Amino acid sequence: MFENSYQHYLLGLIAVANNISALAPFIALTSGLDKIIIRRLVVVSSLSTFIIMMVSMFCGTMLLEFFGISISAFQIAGGILLCGTGTSMLNAKSSNDVSGKQIMHSQIEYSKYVSAAIVPIALPLTAGAGTISTITLFTEMAKKSHTMPELFVAILSITVVVFICFYFANNVVKILGDIGMSVLIKVMGLFTLAIGVQFIITGVSTVYKGLVT
């Protein structure tokens, strides 16, 4: 059945688990860093995205219910986080303001950028509330139609796409230069801020509908 096929799962995940909105923050995070460090952060971001999706697949519903967290609450929290990230990008005077050129001199600073590669780049920019809820729904469908392997392969395929996008993201730096990078960061900062606001609006509206019905 096509509705429960690999193609169906893949197209659904492409719609919600894209990392376009995460490219500018990732470029800002890795601008000026050593290539080896950048590759490590690419692996961290991609692997974190994969882990988030797998956790969503195997215990998404149970995990949220265990902590008493709704998708709406997750959207609001993620939206607040993205608003902070977007505001920081908009206020950056140059690409260096949101990069990590001194990261090689301090293991503490390196750990901070590894954390940033996980939150907010992997979560919630790449694999956020929409991805978690979609995979949770797909899992229920896959269990009934015995297509769990297809869903797993679709998640693996999305992870490869995410890795490729992050791996080549910093080539943009060479093309744009410092001025182009500053403009890109500010423009994408506005989009990041807008995504955060939309997350909050969606979460709040869902909560409101639940209160009035």
Protein backbone atom coordinates (compact mmCIF):
# COMPACT_ATOMS: atom_id res chain seq x y z
CA MET A 1 0.00 0.00 0.00
CA PHE A 2 1.47 3.34 -1.08
CA GLU A 3 0.09 5.17 1.97
CA ASN A 4 2.41 3.10 4.17
CA SER A 5 5.37 2.83 1.82
CA TYR A 6 8.95 4.07 2.01
CA GLN A 7 8.11 6.83 -0.47
CA HIS A 8 5.22 8.03 1.67
CA TYR A 9 7.34 8.16 4.82
CA LEU A 10 10.25 9.81 3.00
CA LEU A 11 8.12 12.56 1.44
CA GLY A 12 6.42 13.22 4.76
CA LEU A 13 9.73 13.54 6.58
CA ILE A 14 11.24 15.76 3.88
CA ALA A 15 8.35 18.15 4.44
CA VAL A 16 8.94 18.46 8.19
CA ALA A 17 12.55 17.40 8.84
CA ASN A 18 14.34 19.75 6.47
CA ASN A 19 17.31 21.73 7.80
CA ILE A 20 17.12 24.76 5.50
CA SER A 21 16.36 27.00 8.47
CA ALA A 22 19.37 25.52 10.28
CA LEU A 23 21.94 26.24 7.55
CA ALA A 24 22.54 29.89 8.41
CA PRO A 25 22.93 29.26 12.17
CA PHE A 26 25.27 26.37 11.35
CA ILE A 27 27.34 28.54 9.03
CA ALA A 28 27.48 31.22 11.71
CA LEU A 29 28.50 28.64 14.30
CA THR A 30 31.33 27.19 12.20
CA SER A 31 32.55 30.32 10.41
CA GLY A 32 36.33 30.60 10.75
CA LEU A 33 36.82 27.24 12.41
CA ASP A 34 39.32 24.57 11.40
CA LYS A 35 37.98 22.10 8.82
CA ILE A 36 38.45 19.18 11.20
CA ILE A 37 36.34 20.92 13.86
CA ILE A 38 33.66 21.75 11.28
CA ARG A 39 33.46 18.11 10.18
CA ARG A 40 33.09 17.04 13.80
CA LEU A 41 30.22 19.49 14.26
CA VAL A 42 28.60 18.21 11.05
CA VAL A 43 28.72 14.68 12.46
CA VAL A 44 27.39 15.86 15.84
CA SER A 45 24.47 17.73 14.26
CA SER A 46 23.56 14.90 11.87
CA LEU A 47 23.94 12.17 14.49
CA SER A 48 21.86 14.18 16.98
CA THR A 49 19.13 14.57 14.37
CA PHE A 50 19.16 10.82 13.72
CA ILE A 51 18.99 10.00 17.44
CA ILE A 52 16.07 12.41 17.96
CA MET A 53 14.16 10.79 15.12
CA MET A 54 14.88 7.27 16.35
CA VAL A 55 13.80 8.14 19.89
CA SER A 56 10.62 9.59 18.40
CA MET A 57 10.09 6.38 16.46
CA PHE A 58 10.51 3.96 19.34
CA CYS A 59 9.30 5.92 22.36
CA GLY A 60 8.05 9.34 21.25
CA THR A 61 4.57 9.03 22.69
CA MET A 62 5.70 7.29 25.86
CA LEU A 63 8.45 9.84 26.50
CA LEU A 64 6.15 12.84 26.21
CA GLU A 65 3.47 11.19 28.32
CA PHE A 66 6.02 10.15 30.94
CA PHE A 67 7.15 13.73 31.44
CA GLY A 68 3.64 15.08 30.99
CA ILE A 69 4.69 17.18 28.00
CA SER A 70 2.36 17.93 25.12
CA ILE A 71 3.41 18.69 21.56
CA SER A 72 1.99 22.19 22.08
CA ALA A 73 4.25 22.78 25.08
CA PHE A 74 7.22 21.51 23.07
CA GLN A 75 6.37 23.90 20.25
CA ILE A 76 6.14 26.88 22.61
CA ALA A 77 9.45 26.04 24.32
CA GLY A 78 11.18 25.50 20.97
CA GLY A 79 9.71 28.73 19.66
CA ILE A 80 11.11 30.73 22.58
CA LEU A 81 14.53 29.18 21.99
CA LEU A 82 14.41 30.02 18.27
CA CYS A 83 13.34 33.58 19.00
CA GLY A 84 16.45 34.03 21.12
CA THR A 85 18.65 32.57 18.40
CA GLY A 86 17.07 34.72 15.69
CA THR A 87 17.41 37.89 17.77
CA SER A 88 21.10 37.14 18.37
CA MET A 89 21.67 36.70 14.63
CA LEU A 90 19.85 39.96 13.83
CA ASN A 91 21.94 41.87 16.36
CA ALA A 92 25.26 40.46 15.12
CA LYS A 93 27.47 43.22 13.72
CA SER A 94 29.46 40.77 11.64
CA SER A 95 29.70 37.05 10.97
CA ASN A 96 32.45 36.88 13.61
CA ASP A 97 29.96 37.83 16.31
CA VAL A 98 28.26 34.47 15.98
CA SER A 99 31.24 32.37 14.95
CA GLY A 100 33.83 30.52 17.02
CA LYS A 101 37.31 31.40 15.80
CA GLN A 102 38.81 30.97 19.28
CA ILE A 103 37.40 27.51 19.71
CA MET A 104 40.73 25.78 19.15
CA HIS A 105 42.24 27.44 22.23
CA SER A 106 39.72 26.19 24.76
CA GLN A 107 38.16 22.78 25.24
CA ILE A 108 35.42 24.48 27.27
CA GLU A 109 34.56 26.72 24.33
CA TYR A 110 34.60 23.68 22.04
CA SER A 111 32.09 21.90 24.26
CA LYS A 112 29.85 24.96 24.08
CA TYR A 113 29.81 24.82 20.28
CA VAL A 114 29.16 21.09 20.34
CA SER A 115 26.15 21.86 22.54
CA ALA A 116 25.02 24.51 20.04
CA ALA A 117 25.30 21.93 17.24
CA ILE A 118 22.79 19.84 19.16
CA VAL A 119 20.53 22.65 20.45
CA PRO A 120 19.19 24.57 18.58
CA ILE A 121 20.63 23.32 15.25
CA ALA A 122 19.62 19.65 15.52
CA LEU A 123 16.76 20.33 17.92
CA PRO A 124 14.45 22.09 17.14
CA LEU A 125 15.66 23.61 13.82
CA THR A 126 16.21 20.32 11.98
CA ALA A 127 14.19 17.82 14.01
CA GLY A 128 11.62 19.79 15.95
CA ALA A 129 8.09 19.35 17.22
CA GLY A 130 6.70 18.76 13.72
CA THR A 131 9.22 16.00 13.04
CA ILE A 132 8.62 14.32 16.40
CA SER A 133 4.85 14.37 16.03
CA THR A 134 5.03 13.18 12.40
CA ILE A 135 7.32 10.25 13.22
CA THR A 136 5.12 9.34 16.18
CA LEU A 137 2.11 9.21 13.85
CA PHE A 138 4.02 7.30 11.17
CA THR A 139 5.14 4.76 13.78
CA GLU A 140 1.55 3.95 14.68
CA MET A 141 0.76 3.51 10.98
CA ALA A 142 3.87 1.39 10.40
CA LYS A 143 3.05 -0.95 13.29
CA LYS A 144 -0.40 -1.64 11.87
CA SER A 145 0.85 -2.15 8.31
CA HIS A 146 4.07 -3.98 9.27
CA THR A 147 6.23 -1.36 7.51
CA MET A 148 8.60 -0.43 10.35
CA PRO A 149 11.68 -1.27 8.19
CA GLU A 150 10.48 1.17 5.53
CA LEU A 151 10.07 3.90 8.14
CA PHE A 152 13.56 3.23 9.50
CA VAL A 153 15.10 3.46 6.01
CA ALA A 154 13.22 6.72 5.41
CA ILE A 155 14.65 8.17 8.64
CA LEU A 156 18.14 6.99 7.64
CA SER A 157 17.72 8.62 4.21
CA ILE A 158 16.74 11.94 5.78
CA THR A 159 19.81 11.77 8.02
CA VAL A 160 22.04 11.39 4.96
CA VAL A 161 20.38 14.42 3.34
CA VAL A 162 20.91 16.45 6.52
CA PHE A 163 24.58 15.41 6.65
CA ILE A 164 25.18 16.45 3.03
CA CYS A 165 23.50 19.83 3.57
CA PHE A 166 25.60 20.59 6.65
CA TYR A 167 28.81 19.26 5.08
CA PHE A 168 28.66 21.67 2.14
CA ALA A 169 27.10 24.59 4.02
CA ASN A 170 30.40 26.32 4.73
CA ASN A 171 31.33 26.45 1.05
CA VAL A 172 28.85 29.31 0.98
CA VAL A 173 31.26 31.31 3.15
CA LYS A 174 33.93 31.33 0.43
CA ILE A 175 31.42 32.49 -2.16
CA LEU A 176 29.73 35.22 -0.12
CA GLY A 177 32.66 36.66 1.82
CA ASP A 178 32.31 38.61 5.09
CA ILE A 179 29.75 41.13 3.82
CA GLY A 180 27.63 38.48 2.14
CA MET A 181 27.82 36.33 5.28
CA SER A 182 26.66 39.21 7.46
CA VAL A 183 23.71 39.85 5.17
CA LEU A 184 22.82 36.14 5.02
CA ILE A 185 22.99 35.78 8.80
CA LYS A 186 20.71 38.78 9.34
CA VAL A 187 18.21 37.65 6.70
CA MET A 188 18.16 34.08 8.01
CA GLY A 189 18.01 35.46 11.54
CA LEU A 190 14.73 37.11 10.59
CA PHE A 191 13.44 33.80 9.21
CA THR A 192 14.62 31.97 12.34
CA LEU A 193 12.83 34.52 14.51
CA ALA A 194 9.69 34.14 12.37
CA ILE A 195 9.84 30.34 12.67
CA GLY A 196 10.11 30.69 16.44
CA VAL A 197 7.12 33.03 16.55
CA GLN A 198 5.14 30.61 14.37
CA PHE A 199 6.01 27.73 16.72
CA ILE A 200 4.72 29.77 19.66
CA ILE A 201 1.54 30.81 17.83
CA THR A 202 0.80 27.21 16.80
CA GLY A 203 1.41 25.89 20.30
CA VAL A 204 -0.63 28.61 22.00
CA SER A 205 -3.52 28.30 19.52
CA THR A 206 -3.68 24.54 20.10
CA VAL A 207 -3.74 25.04 23.86
CA TYR A 208 -6.41 27.74 23.51
CA LYS A 209 -8.65 25.50 21.36
CA GLY A 210 -8.31 22.77 23.98
CA LEU A 211 -9.42 25.17 26.72
CA VAL A 212 -12.49 26.53 24.91
CA THR A 213 -13.82 23.19 23.63
